[in-house]
Amino acid sequence: MPQPGDRIGFIILASIILIIGLISLFFPKVFWWLRIGRRAKDIPPVPAYLFVLRIGGALTCAVALYLFYYIFSL
């Protein structure tokens, strides 16, 4: 069980997770480019893959929001 004095580290961690989730949710082509686009220059992103990235971003945001709830309920 984390102590109340450890909140700063957990807040920073939850903020980083939230930022990554928001980027994946609103700009999935960034993560497509990091994973595939750098190696395959002439291939456009597949819409289904971008949709899966958006779902992953939404789940990541949900985890970050749960972490914020957990941190502030200590």
PDB file of N, CA and C in Angstrom:
ATOM      1  N   MET A   1       0.845  -1.170   0.000  1.00  0.00           N
ATOM      2  CA  MET A   1       0.000   0.000   0.000  1.00  0.00           C
ATOM      3  C   MET A   1       0.892   1.235   0.000  1.00  0.00           C
ATOM      4  N   PRO A   2       0.752   2.101  -1.000  1.00  0.00           N
ATOM      5  CA  PRO A   2       1.581   3.304  -1.037  1.00  0.00           C
ATOM      6  C   PRO A   2       1.197   4.272   0.081  1.00  0.00           C
ATOM      7  N   GLN A   3       2.184   4.983   0.531  1.00  0.00           N
ATOM      8  CA  GLN A   3       1.976   5.974   1.578  1.00  0.00           C
ATOM      9  C   GLN A   3       1.481   7.280   0.965  1.00  0.00           C
ATOM     10  N   PRO A   4       0.789   8.123   1.737  1.00  0.00           N
ATOM     11  CA  PRO A   4       0.303   9.401   1.199  1.00  0.00           C
ATOM     12  C   PRO A   4       1.429  10.314   0.702  1.00  0.00           C
ATOM     13  N   GLY A   5       2.645  10.163   1.189  1.00  0.00           N
ATOM     14  CA  GLY A   5       3.752  10.987   0.734  1.00  0.00           C
ATOM     15  C   GLY A   5       4.281  10.581  -0.633  1.00  0.00           C
ATOM     16  N   ASP A   6       3.876   9.412  -1.117  1.00  0.00           N
ATOM     17  CA  ASP A   6       4.324   8.919  -2.418  1.00  0.00           C
ATOM     18  C   ASP A   6       3.431   9.373  -3.568  1.00  0.00           C
ATOM     19  N   ARG A   7       2.519  10.264  -3.315  1.00  0.00           N
ATOM     20  CA  ARG A   7       1.547  10.672  -4.326  1.00  0.00           C
ATOM     21  C   ARG A   7       2.183  11.316  -5.547  1.00  0.00           C
ATOM     22  N   ILE A   8       3.229  12.098  -5.373  1.00  0.00           N
ATOM     23  CA  ILE A   8       3.827  12.835  -6.491  1.00  0.00           C
ATOM     24  C   ILE A   8       4.298  11.878  -7.581  1.00  0.00           C
ATOM     25  N   GLY A   9       4.986  10.817  -7.211  1.00  0.00           N
ATOM     26  CA  GLY A   9       5.461   9.850  -8.193  1.00  0.00           C
ATOM     27  C   GLY A   9       4.322   9.174  -8.925  1.00  0.00           C
ATOM     28  N   PHE A  10       3.269   8.819  -8.188  1.00  0.00           N
ATOM     29  CA  PHE A  10       2.121   8.172  -8.817  1.00  0.00           C
ATOM     30  C   PHE A  10       1.352   9.144  -9.711  1.00  0.00           C
ATOM     31  N   ILE A  11       1.277  10.405  -9.322  1.00  0.00           N
ATOM     32  CA  ILE A  11       0.615  11.404 -10.160  1.00  0.00           C
ATOM     33  C   ILE A  11       1.383  11.592 -11.460  1.00  0.00           C
ATOM     34  N   ILE A  12       2.708  11.634 -11.381  1.00  0.00           N
ATOM     35  CA  ILE A  12       3.522  11.763 -12.599  1.00  0.00           C
ATOM     36  C   ILE A  12       3.334  10.551 -13.494  1.00  0.00           C
ATOM     37  N   LEU A  13       3.342   9.350 -12.913  1.00  0.00           N
ATOM     38  CA  LEU A  13       3.134   8.130 -13.685  1.00  0.00           C
ATOM     39  C   LEU A  13       1.762   8.122 -14.351  1.00  0.00           C
ATOM     40  N   ALA A  14       0.725   8.462 -13.617  1.00  0.00           N
ATOM     41  CA  ALA A  14      -0.629   8.484 -14.175  1.00  0.00           C
ATOM     42  C   ALA A  14      -0.753   9.545 -15.264  1.00  0.00           C
ATOM     43  N   SER A  15      -0.062  10.674 -15.104  1.00  0.00           N
ATOM     44  CA  SER A  15      -0.100  11.727 -16.119  1.00  0.00           C
ATOM     45  C   SER A  15       0.564  11.266 -17.411  1.00  0.00           C
ATOM     46  N   ILE A  16       1.691  10.584 -17.301  1.00  0.00           N
ATOM     47  CA  ILE A  16       2.380  10.069 -18.489  1.00  0.00           C
ATOM     48  C   ILE A  16       1.507   9.036 -19.194  1.00  0.00           C
ATOM     49  N   ILE A  17       0.889   8.157 -18.436  1.00  0.00           N
ATOM     50  CA  ILE A  17       0.001   7.152 -19.027  1.00  0.00           C
ATOM     51  C   ILE A  17      -1.185   7.823 -19.714  1.00  0.00           C
ATOM     52  N   LEU A  18      -1.742   8.866 -19.098  1.00  0.00           N
ATOM     53  CA  LEU A  18      -2.869   9.577 -19.689  1.00  0.00           C
ATOM     54  C   LEU A  18      -2.458  10.269 -20.987  1.00  0.00           C
ATOM     55  N   ILE A  19      -1.284  10.890 -21.013  1.00  0.00           N
ATOM     56  CA  ILE A  19      -0.810  11.565 -22.227  1.00  0.00           C
ATOM     57  C   ILE A  19      -0.617  10.559 -23.357  1.00  0.00           C
ATOM     58  N   ILE A  20      -0.019   9.414 -23.062  1.00  0.00           N
ATOM     59  CA  ILE A  20       0.169   8.380 -24.086  1.00  0.00           C
ATOM     60  C   ILE A  20      -1.190   7.896 -24.602  1.00  0.00           C
ATOM     61  N   GLY A  21      -2.134   7.701 -23.708  1.00  0.00           N
ATOM     62  CA  GLY A  21      -3.466   7.265 -24.128  1.00  0.00           C
ATOM     63  C   GLY A  21      -4.182   8.294 -24.981  1.00  0.00           C
ATOM     64  N   LEU A  22      -4.059   9.569 -24.632  1.00  0.00           N
ATOM     65  CA  LEU A  22      -4.712  10.621 -25.416  1.00  0.00           C
ATOM     66  C   LEU A  22      -4.089  10.755 -26.798  1.00  0.00           C
ATOM     67  N   ILE A  23      -2.780  10.630 -26.881  1.00  0.00           N
ATOM     68  CA  ILE A  23      -2.125  10.674 -28.190  1.00  0.00           C
ATOM     69  C   ILE A  23      -2.600   9.515 -29.050  1.00  0.00           C
ATOM     70  N   SER A  24      -2.684   8.324 -28.464  1.00  0.00           N
ATOM     71  CA  SER A  24      -3.143   7.164 -29.221  1.00  0.00           C
ATOM     72  C   SER A  24      -4.616   7.288 -29.603  1.00  0.00           C
ATOM     73  N   LEU A  25      -5.400   7.934 -28.768  1.00  0.00           N
ATOM     74  CA  LEU A  25      -6.824   8.089 -29.045  1.00  0.00           C
ATOM     75  C   LEU A  25      -7.084   9.102 -30.151  1.00  0.00           C
ATOM     76  N   PHE A  26      -6.411  10.245 -30.101  1.00  0.00           N
ATOM     77  CA  PHE A  26      -6.689  11.316 -31.053  1.00  0.00           C
ATOM     78  C   PHE A  26      -5.741  11.351 -32.259  1.00  0.00           C
ATOM     79  N   PHE A  27      -4.534  10.818 -32.107  1.00  0.00           N
ATOM     80  CA  PHE A  27      -3.554  10.815 -33.189  1.00  0.00           C
ATOM     81  C   PHE A  27      -2.939   9.418 -33.343  1.00  0.00           C
ATOM     82  N   PRO A  28      -3.726   8.429 -33.772  1.00  0.00           N
ATOM     83  CA  PRO A  28      -3.198   7.059 -33.843  1.00  0.00           C
ATOM     84  C   PRO A  28      -2.107   6.887 -34.893  1.00  0.00           C
ATOM     85  N   LYS A  29      -2.037   7.799 -35.859  1.00  0.00           N
ATOM     86  CA  LYS A  29      -0.999   7.677 -36.896  1.00  0.00           C
ATOM     87  C   LYS A  29       0.397   7.863 -36.318  1.00  0.00           C
ATOM     88  N   VAL A  30       0.515   8.537 -35.182  1.00  0.00           N
ATOM     89  CA  VAL A  30       1.830   8.684 -34.540  1.00  0.00           C
ATOM     90  C   VAL A  30       2.357   7.315 -34.132  1.00  0.00           C
ATOM     91  N   PHE A  31       1.528   6.520 -33.495  1.00  0.00           N
ATOM     92  CA  PHE A  31       1.966   5.199 -33.063  1.00  0.00           C
ATOM     93  C   PHE A  31       2.092   4.240 -34.241  1.00  0.00           C
ATOM     94  N   TRP A  32       1.271   4.426 -35.285  1.00  0.00           N
ATOM     95  CA  TRP A  32       1.441   3.634 -36.494  1.00  0.00           C
ATOM     96  C   TRP A  32       2.801   3.931 -37.115  1.00  0.00           C
ATOM     97  N   TRP A  33       3.163   5.207 -37.165  1.00  0.00           N
ATOM     98  CA  TRP A  33       4.449   5.580 -37.752  1.00  0.00           C
ATOM     99  C   TRP A  33       5.604   5.024 -36.925  1.00  0.00           C
ATOM    100  N   LEU A  34       5.499   5.081 -35.597  1.00  0.00           N
ATOM    101  CA  LEU A  34       6.560   4.548 -34.750  1.00  0.00           C
ATOM    102  C   LEU A  34       6.722   3.045 -34.920  1.00  0.00           C
ATOM    103  N   ARG A  35       5.625   2.340 -35.129  1.00  0.00           N
ATOM    104  CA  ARG A  35       5.670   0.876 -35.222  1.00  0.00           C
ATOM    105  C   ARG A  35       5.963   0.383 -36.641  1.00  0.00           C
ATOM    106  N   ILE A  36       5.272   0.944 -37.655  1.00  0.00           N
ATOM    107  CA  ILE A  36       5.332   0.404 -39.012  1.00  0.00           C
ATOM    108  C   ILE A  36       5.817   1.436 -40.025  1.00  0.00           C
ATOM    109  N   GLY A  37       5.364   2.644 -39.916  1.00  0.00           N
ATOM    110  CA  GLY A  37       5.577   3.652 -40.942  1.00  0.00           C
ATOM    111  C   GLY A  37       7.028   3.989 -41.236  1.00  0.00           C
ATOM    112  N   ARG A  38       7.895   3.869 -40.253  1.00  0.00           N
ATOM    113  CA  ARG A  38       9.312   4.172 -40.493  1.00  0.00           C
ATOM    114  C   ARG A  38       9.953   3.147 -41.407  1.00  0.00           C
ATOM    115  N   ARG A  39       9.517   1.901 -41.314  1.00  0.00           N
ATOM    116  CA  ARG A  39      10.114   0.827 -42.114  1.00  0.00           C
ATOM    117  C   ARG A  39       9.459   0.704 -43.481  1.00  0.00           C
ATOM    118  N   ALA A  40       8.150   0.920 -43.546  1.00  0.00           N
ATOM    119  CA  ALA A  40       7.400   0.773 -44.798  1.00  0.00           C
ATOM    120  C   ALA A  40       7.019   2.165 -45.287  1.00  0.00           C
ATOM    121  N   LYS A  41       7.848   2.740 -46.110  1.00  0.00           N
ATOM    122  CA  LYS A  41       7.658   4.139 -46.531  1.00  0.00           C
ATOM    123  C   LYS A  41       6.451   4.333 -47.443  1.00  0.00           C
ATOM    124  N   ASP A  42       6.144   3.367 -48.303  1.00  0.00           N
ATOM    125  CA  ASP A  42       5.107   3.561 -49.316  1.00  0.00           C
ATOM    126  C   ASP A  42       3.759   2.957 -48.954  1.00  0.00           C
ATOM    127  N   ILE A  43       3.620   2.411 -47.771  1.00  0.00           N
ATOM    128  CA  ILE A  43       2.379   1.746 -47.382  1.00  0.00           C
ATOM    129  C   ILE A  43       1.566   2.679 -46.482  1.00  0.00           C
ATOM    130  N   PRO A  44       0.316   2.994 -46.855  1.00  0.00           N
ATOM    131  CA  PRO A  44      -0.516   3.836 -45.978  1.00  0.00           C
ATOM    132  C   PRO A  44      -1.056   3.016 -44.801  1.00  0.00           C
ATOM    133  N   PRO A  45      -1.465   3.671 -43.733  1.00  0.00           N
ATOM    134  CA  PRO A  45      -2.007   2.930 -42.592  1.00  0.00           C
ATOM    135  C   PRO A  45      -3.367   2.305 -42.915  1.00  0.00           C
ATOM    136  N   VAL A  46      -3.592   1.144 -42.371  1.00  0.00           N
ATOM    137  CA  VAL A  46      -4.865   0.439 -42.557  1.00  0.00           C
ATOM    138  C   VAL A  46      -5.869   1.003 -41.545  1.00  0.00           C
ATOM    139  N   PRO A  47      -7.067   1.369 -41.992  1.00  0.00           N
ATOM    140  CA  PRO A  47      -8.051   1.943 -41.066  1.00  0.00           C
ATOM    141  C   PRO A  47      -8.381   1.039 -39.873  1.00  0.00           C
ATOM    142  N   ALA A  48      -8.401  -0.265 -40.077  1.00  0.00           N
ATOM    143  CA  ALA A  48      -8.707  -1.177 -38.966  1.00  0.00           C
ATOM    144  C   ALA A  48      -7.610  -1.119 -37.903  1.00  0.00           C
ATOM    145  N   TYR A  49      -6.354  -1.004 -38.339  1.00  0.00           N
ATOM    146  CA  TYR A  49      -5.247  -0.906 -37.388  1.00  0.00           C
ATOM    147  C   TYR A  49      -5.319   0.412 -36.614  1.00  0.00           C
ATOM    148  N   LEU A  50      -5.687   1.490 -37.300  1.00  0.00           N
ATOM    149  CA  LEU A  50      -5.846   2.770 -36.611  1.00  0.00           C
ATOM    150  C   LEU A  50      -6.980   2.703 -35.597  1.00  0.00           C
ATOM    151  N   PHE A  51      -8.051   1.972 -35.945  1.00  0.00           N
ATOM    152  CA  PHE A  51      -9.169   1.805 -35.016  1.00  0.00           C
ATOM    153  C   PHE A  51      -8.741   1.033 -33.775  1.00  0.00           C
ATOM    154  N   VAL A  52      -7.943   0.000 -33.960  1.00  0.00           N
ATOM    155  CA  VAL A  52      -7.440  -0.778 -32.823  1.00  0.00           C
ATOM    156  C   VAL A  52      -6.542   0.094 -31.947  1.00  0.00           C
ATOM    157  N   LEU A  53      -5.747   0.951 -32.567  1.00  0.00           N
ATOM    158  CA  LEU A  53      -4.916   1.877 -31.791  1.00  0.00           C
ATOM    159  C   LEU A  53      -5.782   2.837 -30.977  1.00  0.00           C
ATOM    160  N   ARG A  54      -6.894   3.288 -31.557  1.00  0.00           N
ATOM    161  CA  ARG A  54      -7.803   4.176 -30.816  1.00  0.00           C
ATOM    162  C   ARG A  54      -8.436   3.447 -29.630  1.00  0.00           C
ATOM    163  N   ILE A  55      -8.819   2.198 -29.814  1.00  0.00           N
ATOM    164  CA  ILE A  55      -9.377   1.415 -28.705  1.00  0.00           C
ATOM    165  C   ILE A  55      -8.331   1.259 -27.601  1.00  0.00           C
ATOM    166  N   GLY A  56      -7.107   0.958 -27.982  1.00  0.00           N
ATOM    167  CA  GLY A  56      -6.028   0.859 -26.994  1.00  0.00           C
ATOM    168  C   GLY A  56      -5.804   2.170 -26.271  1.00  0.00           C
ATOM    169  N   GLY A  57      -5.905   3.285 -26.991  1.00  0.00           N
ATOM    170  CA  GLY A  57      -5.776   4.597 -26.357  1.00  0.00           C
ATOM    171  C   GLY A  57      -6.893   4.866 -25.366  1.00  0.00           C
ATOM    172  N   ALA A  58      -8.107   4.455 -25.712  1.00  0.00           N
ATOM    173  CA  ALA A  58      -9.233   4.637 -24.792  1.00  0.00           C
ATOM    174  C   ALA A  58      -9.051   3.798 -23.536  1.00  0.00           C
ATOM    175  N   LEU A  59      -8.592   2.564 -23.704  1.00  0.00           N
ATOM    176  CA  LEU A  59      -8.347   1.709 -22.536  1.00  0.00           C
ATOM    177  C   LEU A  59      -7.210   2.269 -21.676  1.00  0.00           C
ATOM    178  N   THR A  60      -6.188   2.797 -22.306  1.00  0.00           N
ATOM    179  CA  THR A  60      -5.075   3.392 -21.567  1.00  0.00           C
ATOM    180  C   THR A  60      -5.548   4.613 -20.781  1.00  0.00           C
ATOM    181  N   CYS A  61      -6.399   5.429 -21.392  1.00  0.00           N
ATOM    182  CA  CYS A  61      -6.957   6.585 -20.673  1.00  0.00           C
ATOM    183  C   CYS A  61      -7.805   6.136 -19.489  1.00  0.00           C
ATOM    184  N   ALA A  62      -8.561   5.058 -19.670  1.00  0.00           N
ATOM    185  CA  ALA A  62      -9.375   4.543 -18.570  1.00  0.00           C
ATOM    186  C   ALA A  62      -8.500   4.074 -17.415  1.00  0.00           C
ATOM    187  N   VAL A  63      -7.394   3.416 -17.718  1.00  0.00           N
ATOM    188  CA  VAL A  63      -6.470   2.977 -16.669  1.00  0.00           C
ATOM    189  C   VAL A  63      -5.877   4.181 -15.950  1.00  0.00           C
ATOM    190  N   ALA A  64      -5.498   5.211 -16.697  1.00  0.00           N
ATOM    191  CA  ALA A  64      -4.925   6.408 -16.083  1.00  0.00           C
ATOM    192  C   ALA A  64      -5.946   7.112 -15.182  1.00  0.00           C
ATOM    193  N   LEU A  65      -7.187   7.188 -15.636  1.00  0.00           N
ATOM    194  CA  LEU A  65      -8.218   7.819 -14.805  1.00  0.00           C
ATOM    195  C   LEU A  65      -8.479   7.012 -13.534  1.00  0.00           C
ATOM    196  N   TYR A  66      -8.442   5.688 -13.646  1.00  0.00           N
ATOM    197  CA  TYR A  66      -8.578   4.859 -12.458  1.00  0.00           C
ATOM    198  C   TYR A  66      -7.400   5.097 -11.498  1.00  0.00           C
ATOM    199  N   LEU A  67      -6.199   5.239 -12.040  1.00  0.00           N
ATOM    200  CA  LEU A  67      -5.038   5.531 -11.189  1.00  0.00           C
ATOM    201  C   LEU A  67      -5.212   6.862 -10.466  1.00  0.00           C
ATOM    202  N   PHE A  68      -5.717   7.878 -11.185  1.00  0.00           N
ATOM    203  CA  PHE A  68      -5.965   9.165 -10.521  1.00  0.00           C
ATOM    204  C   PHE A  68      -6.998   9.008  -9.411  1.00  0.00           C
ATOM    205  N   TYR A  69      -8.060   8.249  -9.676  1.00  0.00           N
ATOM    206  CA  TYR A  69      -9.068   8.006  -8.649  1.00  0.00           C
ATOM    207  C   TYR A  69      -8.448   7.316  -7.441  1.00  0.00           C
ATOM    208  N   TYR A  70      -7.621   6.316  -7.693  1.00  0.00           N
ATOM    209  CA  TYR A  70      -6.972   5.571  -6.614  1.00  0.00           C
ATOM    210  C   TYR A  70      -6.021   6.462  -5.816  1.00  0.00           C
ATOM    211  N   ILE A  71      -5.269   7.299  -6.523  1.00  0.00           N
ATOM    212  CA  ILE A  71      -4.298   8.175  -5.850  1.00  0.00           C
ATOM    213  C   ILE A  71      -5.007   9.164  -4.941  1.00  0.00           C
ATOM    214  N   PHE A  72      -6.060   9.777  -5.446  1.00  0.00           N
ATOM    215  CA  PHE A  72      -6.708  10.819  -4.646  1.00  0.00           C
ATOM    216  C   PHE A  72      -7.666  10.264  -3.600  1.00  0.00           C
ATOM    217  N   SER A  73      -7.912   8.962  -3.626  1.00  0.00           N
ATOM    218  CA  SER A  73      -8.752   8.382  -2.574  1.00  0.00           C
ATOM    219  C   SER A  73      -7.926   7.855  -1.408  1.00  0.00           C
ATOM    220  N   LEU A  74      -6.592   7.990  -1.475  1.00  0.00           N
ATOM    221  CA  LEU A  74      -5.733   7.536  -0.365  1.00  0.00           C
ATOM    222  C   LEU A  74      -5.942   8.379   0.860  1.00  0.00           C
TER     223      LEU A  74
END
